[in-house]
Amino acid sequence: MPAPRPTAAPRAESSAPPVPSTPSAPPASDTVRDVIGWGVFGCLLVPVVLLWCGSAPVTAAGAGLGLTAVTGTCWALLRHFERAAAKAERQTPVD
């Protein structure tokens, strides 16, 4: 006959209230850098994968150039809006 399994003792409730954890957002410049970094990675990876799958080199180069154009445009827009947000933040009166 198997031995009875020990039961776990009830946990004691702590009297201290739980401290809410607020995740800290990384600075905007780091986020933009991450986004652009992944875009550049995609610009390099897509042509390699296309060549590996047997696409024509012209097709792979065209895809890489197209993705580079999109990444560059996104970078320019992100920088523009980042600067606009910083300017608006400086101009906002503090109560």
Protein backbone atom coordinates (compact mmCIF):
# COMPACT_ATOMS: atom_id res chain seq x y z
CA MET A 1 0.00 0.00 0.00
CA PRO A 2 1.51 3.37 -1.00
CA ALA A 3 2.32 5.89 1.70
CA PRO A 4 -0.01 8.88 1.92
CA ARG A 5 1.27 11.98 0.19
CA PRO A 6 2.03 14.94 2.42
CA THR A 7 -0.25 17.89 1.88
CA ALA A 8 1.17 21.32 1.32
CA ALA A 9 0.75 23.76 4.15
CA PRO A 10 -1.43 26.74 3.29
CA ARG A 11 0.57 29.77 2.27
CA ALA A 12 0.65 32.65 4.64
CA GLU A 13 -0.70 35.85 3.15
CA SER A 14 1.75 38.72 3.28
CA SER A 15 0.52 41.88 4.92
CA ALA A 16 2.37 44.17 2.50
CA PRO A 17 0.38 45.29 -0.53
CA PRO A 18 1.78 44.18 -3.86
CA VAL A 19 3.95 46.73 -5.56
CA PRO A 20 2.70 47.42 -9.07
CA SER A 21 5.43 46.97 -11.61
CA THR A 22 5.46 49.46 -14.42
CA PRO A 23 7.53 48.45 -17.38
CA SER A 24 9.88 51.21 -18.38
CA ALA A 25 9.78 52.02 -22.05
CA PRO A 26 13.09 52.32 -23.82
CA PRO A 27 13.99 55.75 -25.15
CA ALA A 28 12.54 56.53 -28.55
CA SER A 29 15.92 56.68 -30.25
CA ASP A 30 16.66 53.09 -29.22
CA THR A 31 13.31 51.97 -30.60
CA VAL A 32 13.93 53.73 -33.91
CA ARG A 33 17.38 52.20 -34.06
CA ASP A 34 15.92 48.73 -33.48
CA VAL A 35 13.28 49.17 -36.18
CA ILE A 36 15.79 50.43 -38.72
CA GLY A 37 18.25 47.70 -37.76
CA TRP A 38 15.67 45.02 -38.46
CA GLY A 39 14.80 46.76 -41.73
CA VAL A 40 18.43 46.68 -42.84
CA PHE A 41 18.64 43.03 -41.82
CA GLY A 42 15.61 42.30 -44.01
CA CYS A 43 17.14 44.25 -46.90
CA LEU A 44 20.17 41.99 -46.75
CA LEU A 45 18.38 38.74 -46.01
CA VAL A 46 15.66 38.84 -48.68
CA PRO A 47 18.00 38.91 -51.71
CA VAL A 48 20.08 36.10 -50.23
CA VAL A 49 16.99 33.95 -49.70
CA LEU A 50 15.70 34.76 -53.18
CA LEU A 51 19.02 33.73 -54.73
CA TRP A 52 19.08 30.59 -52.62
CA CYS A 53 15.58 29.68 -53.83
CA GLY A 54 16.65 30.05 -57.45
CA SER A 55 15.40 33.51 -58.40
CA ALA A 56 17.24 35.53 -60.99
CA PRO A 57 19.96 37.83 -59.64
CA VAL A 58 18.18 40.83 -61.17
CA THR A 59 15.02 39.96 -59.24
CA ALA A 60 16.95 39.60 -55.98
CA ALA A 61 18.75 42.90 -56.57
CA GLY A 62 15.46 44.65 -57.39
CA ALA A 63 13.84 43.31 -54.22
CA GLY A 64 16.83 44.42 -52.16
CA LEU A 65 16.80 47.91 -53.69
CA GLY A 66 13.04 48.22 -53.19
CA LEU A 67 13.30 47.21 -49.55
CA THR A 68 16.20 49.62 -49.10
CA ALA A 69 14.05 52.45 -50.47
CA VAL A 70 11.20 51.58 -48.13
CA THR A 71 13.55 51.31 -45.14
CA GLY A 72 15.15 54.65 -45.97
CA THR A 73 11.76 56.33 -46.28
CA CYS A 74 10.63 54.87 -42.97
CA TRP A 75 13.84 56.05 -41.33
CA ALA A 76 13.31 59.58 -42.66
CA LEU A 77 9.70 59.65 -41.48
CA LEU A 78 10.57 58.30 -38.04
CA ARG A 79 13.29 60.91 -37.61
CA HIS A 80 10.94 63.68 -38.77
CA PHE A 81 8.19 62.74 -36.33
CA GLU A 82 10.68 62.14 -33.54
CA ARG A 83 12.01 65.68 -33.99
CA ALA A 84 8.49 67.11 -34.27
CA ALA A 85 7.48 65.37 -31.03
CA ALA A 86 10.56 66.70 -29.25
CA LYS A 87 9.83 70.21 -30.52
CA ALA A 88 6.19 70.02 -29.41
CA GLU A 89 7.29 68.72 -26.01
CA ARG A 90 9.64 71.69 -25.56
CA GLN A 91 6.91 74.16 -26.55
CA THR A 92 4.20 72.70 -24.30
CA PRO A 93 3.79 74.83 -21.17
CA VAL A 94 4.13 72.99 -17.90
CA ASP A 95 1.35 73.62 -15.37
